[in-house]
Amino acid sequence: MNKRSSNLHQYKILIVDDEPDVTLTLKNGLEENGFSVDAFNDPKAALSDFKAAYYDLLLVDIKMADLNGVQLYQEIKKKDKSAKVCFITAYEVYYDRLKEDFPTLDVGCFIKKPIETQKLVKRIREELEH
């Protein structure tokens, strides 16, 4: 049974994480809660497929090979200045380090993995309504 939101607008979420198990779990959990989700395990593929003004929120893993989450975010911002992102990471230490390395990074949404689906849904809704 779907727990679809009563909103007429179905939020579109982009997930980019290099771990297939993570993207599948997040995608399934969010779709069961009424979100429309595209998921990528390759950040370069996500970037080449990215459509400006299409997604309501991006969930981006920080630590990925080839193109890390911050680099991906910076490239996406060149295509869509209004893109909203939540970084997802298993490593809390990255938050402080990110603030040091990227003091102008305008991201206030960090989600620690692993996260229960209902907590993730709540956090995403808070971010979208903010």
C-alpha atoms as a PDB file:
ATOM      1  CA  MET A   1       0.000   0.000   0.000  1.00  0.00           C
ATOM      2  CA  ASN A   2       1.399   3.355  -1.052  1.00  0.00           C
ATOM      3  CA  LYS A   3       1.571   6.143   1.475  1.00  0.00           C
ATOM      4  CA  ARG A   4       1.269   8.826  -1.167  1.00  0.00           C
ATOM      5  CA  SER A   5       1.380  12.391  -0.027  1.00  0.00           C
ATOM      6  CA  SER A   6      -1.794  14.391  -0.324  1.00  0.00           C
ATOM      7  CA  ASN A   7       0.135  17.021  -2.279  1.00  0.00           C
ATOM      8  CA  LEU A   8      -0.694  17.252  -5.952  1.00  0.00           C
ATOM      9  CA  HIS A   9       2.998  17.768  -6.681  1.00  0.00           C
ATOM     10  CA  GLN A  10       5.134  14.640  -6.569  1.00  0.00           C
ATOM     11  CA  TYR A  11       8.611  15.638  -5.431  1.00  0.00           C
ATOM     12  CA  LYS A  12      11.428  14.583  -7.739  1.00  0.00           C
ATOM     13  CA  ILE A  13      14.579  13.381  -6.009  1.00  0.00           C
ATOM     14  CA  LEU A  14      17.978  12.582  -7.518  1.00  0.00           C
ATOM     15  CA  ILE A  15      20.159  10.130  -5.573  1.00  0.00           C
ATOM     16  CA  VAL A  16      23.870   9.799  -6.367  1.00  0.00           C
ATOM     17  CA  ASP A  17      25.833   7.246  -4.349  1.00  0.00           C
ATOM     18  CA  ASP A  18      28.525   4.886  -5.617  1.00  0.00           C
ATOM     19  CA  GLU A  19      27.164   2.011  -3.514  1.00  0.00           C
ATOM     20  CA  PRO A  20      24.365   0.215  -5.431  1.00  0.00           C
ATOM     21  CA  ASP A  21      22.840  -1.200  -2.225  1.00  0.00           C
ATOM     22  CA  VAL A  22      22.503   2.292  -0.786  1.00  0.00           C
ATOM     23  CA  THR A  23      20.901   3.808  -3.880  1.00  0.00           C
ATOM     24  CA  LEU A  24      18.469   0.894  -4.197  1.00  0.00           C
ATOM     25  CA  THR A  25      17.439   1.078  -0.535  1.00  0.00           C
ATOM     26  CA  LEU A  26      16.995   4.854  -0.604  1.00  0.00           C
ATOM     27  CA  LYS A  27      15.155   4.785  -3.939  1.00  0.00           C
ATOM     28  CA  ASN A  28      12.723   2.066  -2.839  1.00  0.00           C
ATOM     29  CA  GLY A  29      12.045   3.724   0.513  1.00  0.00           C
ATOM     30  CA  LEU A  30      11.384   7.129  -1.023  1.00  0.00           C
ATOM     31  CA  GLU A  31       9.213   5.779  -3.842  1.00  0.00           C
ATOM     32  CA  GLU A  32       7.101   3.916  -1.273  1.00  0.00           C
ATOM     33  CA  ASN A  33       6.521   7.306   0.343  1.00  0.00           C
ATOM     34  CA  GLY A  34       5.333   9.032  -2.814  1.00  0.00           C
ATOM     35  CA  PHE A  35       8.532  10.509  -4.214  1.00  0.00           C
ATOM     36  CA  SER A  36       9.664  10.216  -7.824  1.00  0.00           C
ATOM     37  CA  VAL A  37      13.300   9.075  -7.736  1.00  0.00           C
ATOM     38  CA  ASP A  38      16.179   8.790 -10.185  1.00  0.00           C
ATOM     39  CA  ALA A  39      19.286   7.060  -8.842  1.00  0.00           C
ATOM     40  CA  PHE A  40      22.837   6.878 -10.131  1.00  0.00           C
ATOM     41  CA  ASN A  41      25.890   4.986  -8.911  1.00  0.00           C
ATOM     42  CA  ASP A  42      28.221   6.916 -11.219  1.00  0.00           C
ATOM     43  CA  PRO A  43      28.503  10.638 -10.433  1.00  0.00           C
ATOM     44  CA  LYS A  44      29.717  11.436 -13.966  1.00  0.00           C
ATOM     45  CA  ALA A  45      26.672   9.720 -15.468  1.00  0.00           C
ATOM     46  CA  ALA A  46      24.431  11.643 -13.039  1.00  0.00           C
ATOM     47  CA  LEU A  47      26.040  14.902 -14.112  1.00  0.00           C
ATOM     48  CA  SER A  48      25.716  14.202 -17.832  1.00  0.00           C
ATOM     49  CA  ASP A  49      22.047  13.224 -17.386  1.00  0.00           C
ATOM     50  CA  PHE A  50      21.235  16.121 -15.020  1.00  0.00           C
ATOM     51  CA  LYS A  51      18.354  18.361 -16.073  1.00  0.00           C
ATOM     52  CA  ALA A  52      18.220  21.900 -14.653  1.00  0.00           C
ATOM     53  CA  ALA A  53      15.064  22.817 -12.724  1.00  0.00           C
ATOM     54  CA  TYR A  54      13.847  19.196 -12.860  1.00  0.00           C
ATOM     55  CA  TYR A  55      14.670  17.875  -9.390  1.00  0.00           C
ATOM     56  CA  ASP A  56      13.315  19.250  -6.135  1.00  0.00           C
ATOM     57  CA  LEU A  57      16.221  17.830  -4.135  1.00  0.00           C
ATOM     58  CA  LEU A  58      19.491  15.988  -4.694  1.00  0.00           C
ATOM     59  CA  LEU A  59      20.796  13.387  -2.230  1.00  0.00           C
ATOM     60  CA  VAL A  60      24.523  13.170  -2.905  1.00  0.00           C
ATOM     61  CA  ASP A  61      27.089  10.938  -1.230  1.00  0.00           C
ATOM     62  CA  ILE A  62      30.231  12.859  -0.327  1.00  0.00           C
ATOM     63  CA  LYS A  63      32.861  10.159  -0.753  1.00  0.00           C
ATOM     64  CA  MET A  64      32.819   8.774  -4.291  1.00  0.00           C
ATOM     65  CA  ALA A  65      35.570   7.831  -6.739  1.00  0.00           C
ATOM     66  CA  ASP A  66      36.344   9.971  -9.807  1.00  0.00           C
ATOM     67  CA  LEU A  67      34.052  12.834  -8.803  1.00  0.00           C
ATOM     68  CA  ASN A  68      33.265  13.374  -5.123  1.00  0.00           C
ATOM     69  CA  GLY A  69      29.966  14.766  -3.902  1.00  0.00           C
ATOM     70  CA  VAL A  70      31.209  18.327  -3.445  1.00  0.00           C
ATOM     71  CA  GLN A  71      32.717  18.387  -6.949  1.00  0.00           C
ATOM     72  CA  LEU A  72      29.471  16.981  -8.362  1.00  0.00           C
ATOM     73  CA  TYR A  73      27.469  19.608  -6.487  1.00  0.00           C
ATOM     74  CA  GLN A  74      29.710  22.399  -7.811  1.00  0.00           C
ATOM     75  CA  GLU A  75      29.283  21.150 -11.388  1.00  0.00           C
ATOM     76  CA  ILE A  76      25.508  20.847 -10.966  1.00  0.00           C
ATOM     77  CA  LYS A  77      25.340  24.405  -9.584  1.00  0.00           C
ATOM     78  CA  LYS A  78      26.874  25.591 -12.882  1.00  0.00           C
ATOM     79  CA  LYS A  79      23.895  24.033 -14.677  1.00  0.00           C
ATOM     80  CA  ASP A  80      21.240  24.942 -12.094  1.00  0.00           C
ATOM     81  CA  LYS A  81      21.968  27.680  -9.544  1.00  0.00           C
ATOM     82  CA  SER A  82      18.794  26.871  -7.578  1.00  0.00           C
ATOM     83  CA  ALA A  83      19.534  23.143  -7.099  1.00  0.00           C
ATOM     84  CA  LYS A  84      18.976  22.011  -3.501  1.00  0.00           C
ATOM     85  CA  VAL A  85      21.222  19.302  -2.114  1.00  0.00           C
ATOM     86  CA  CYS A  86      21.519  17.154   0.968  1.00  0.00           C
ATOM     87  CA  PHE A  87      24.851  15.440   1.379  1.00  0.00           C
ATOM     88  CA  ILE A  88      24.671  11.886   2.669  1.00  0.00           C
ATOM     89  CA  THR A  89      27.663  10.325   4.342  1.00  0.00           C
ATOM     90  CA  ALA A  90      28.620   7.613   6.773  1.00  0.00           C
ATOM     91  CA  TYR A  91      31.432   9.798   8.055  1.00  0.00           C
ATOM     92  CA  GLU A  92      30.539  12.605  10.437  1.00  0.00           C
ATOM     93  CA  VAL A  93      34.061  13.997  10.239  1.00  0.00           C
ATOM     94  CA  TYR A  94      33.345  15.162   6.668  1.00  0.00           C
ATOM     95  CA  TYR A  95      30.956  17.871   7.817  1.00  0.00           C
ATOM     96  CA  ASP A  96      33.629  19.822   9.717  1.00  0.00           C
ATOM     97  CA  ARG A  97      36.208  19.174   7.036  1.00  0.00           C
ATOM     98  CA  LEU A  98      33.794  20.350   4.318  1.00  0.00           C
ATOM     99  CA  LYS A  99      33.181  23.585   6.170  1.00  0.00           C
ATOM    100  CA  GLU A 100      36.956  24.122   6.365  1.00  0.00           C
ATOM    101  CA  ASP A 101      37.690  23.161   2.750  1.00  0.00           C
ATOM    102  CA  PHE A 102      34.636  24.887   1.272  1.00  0.00           C
ATOM    103  CA  PRO A 103      33.739  27.825   3.545  1.00  0.00           C
ATOM    104  CA  THR A 104      31.387  29.254   0.904  1.00  0.00           C
ATOM    105  CA  LEU A 105      29.496  25.986   0.461  1.00  0.00           C
ATOM    106  CA  ASP A 106      25.843  26.920   0.908  1.00  0.00           C
ATOM    107  CA  VAL A 107      24.652  23.524   2.039  1.00  0.00           C
ATOM    108  CA  GLY A 108      23.105  23.057   5.444  1.00  0.00           C
ATOM    109  CA  CYS A 109      21.670  19.602   4.891  1.00  0.00           C
ATOM    110  CA  PHE A 110      23.766  16.637   5.916  1.00  0.00           C
ATOM    111  CA  ILE A 111      22.287  13.181   6.426  1.00  0.00           C
ATOM    112  CA  LYS A 112      24.252  10.509   8.251  1.00  0.00           C
ATOM    113  CA  LYS A 113      24.115   6.963   6.857  1.00  0.00           C
ATOM    114  CA  PRO A 114      22.594   4.621   7.687  1.00  0.00           C
ATOM    115  CA  ILE A 115      19.210   6.291   8.152  1.00  0.00           C
ATOM    116  CA  GLU A 116      15.755   4.800   8.649  1.00  0.00           C
ATOM    117  CA  THR A 117      13.349   5.491   5.784  1.00  0.00           C
ATOM    118  CA  GLN A 118      10.841   7.432   7.905  1.00  0.00           C
ATOM    119  CA  LYS A 119      13.573   9.675   9.324  1.00  0.00           C
ATOM    120  CA  LEU A 120      14.881  10.275   5.808  1.00  0.00           C
ATOM    121  CA  VAL A 121      11.400  11.126   4.518  1.00  0.00           C
ATOM    122  CA  LYS A 122      10.886  13.545   7.417  1.00  0.00           C
ATOM    123  CA  ARG A 123      14.275  15.200   6.813  1.00  0.00           C
ATOM    124  CA  ILE A 124      13.609  15.555   3.078  1.00  0.00           C
ATOM    125  CA  ARG A 125      10.167  17.066   3.674  1.00  0.00           C
ATOM    126  CA  GLU A 126      11.697  19.551   6.140  1.00  0.00           C
ATOM    127  CA  GLU A 127      14.314  20.511   3.582  1.00  0.00           C
ATOM    128  CA  LEU A 128      11.758  20.898   0.774  1.00  0.00           C
ATOM    129  CA  GLU A 129       9.416  23.000   2.896  1.00  0.00           C
ATOM    130  CA  HIS A 130      12.268  25.194   4.152  1.00  0.00           C
END
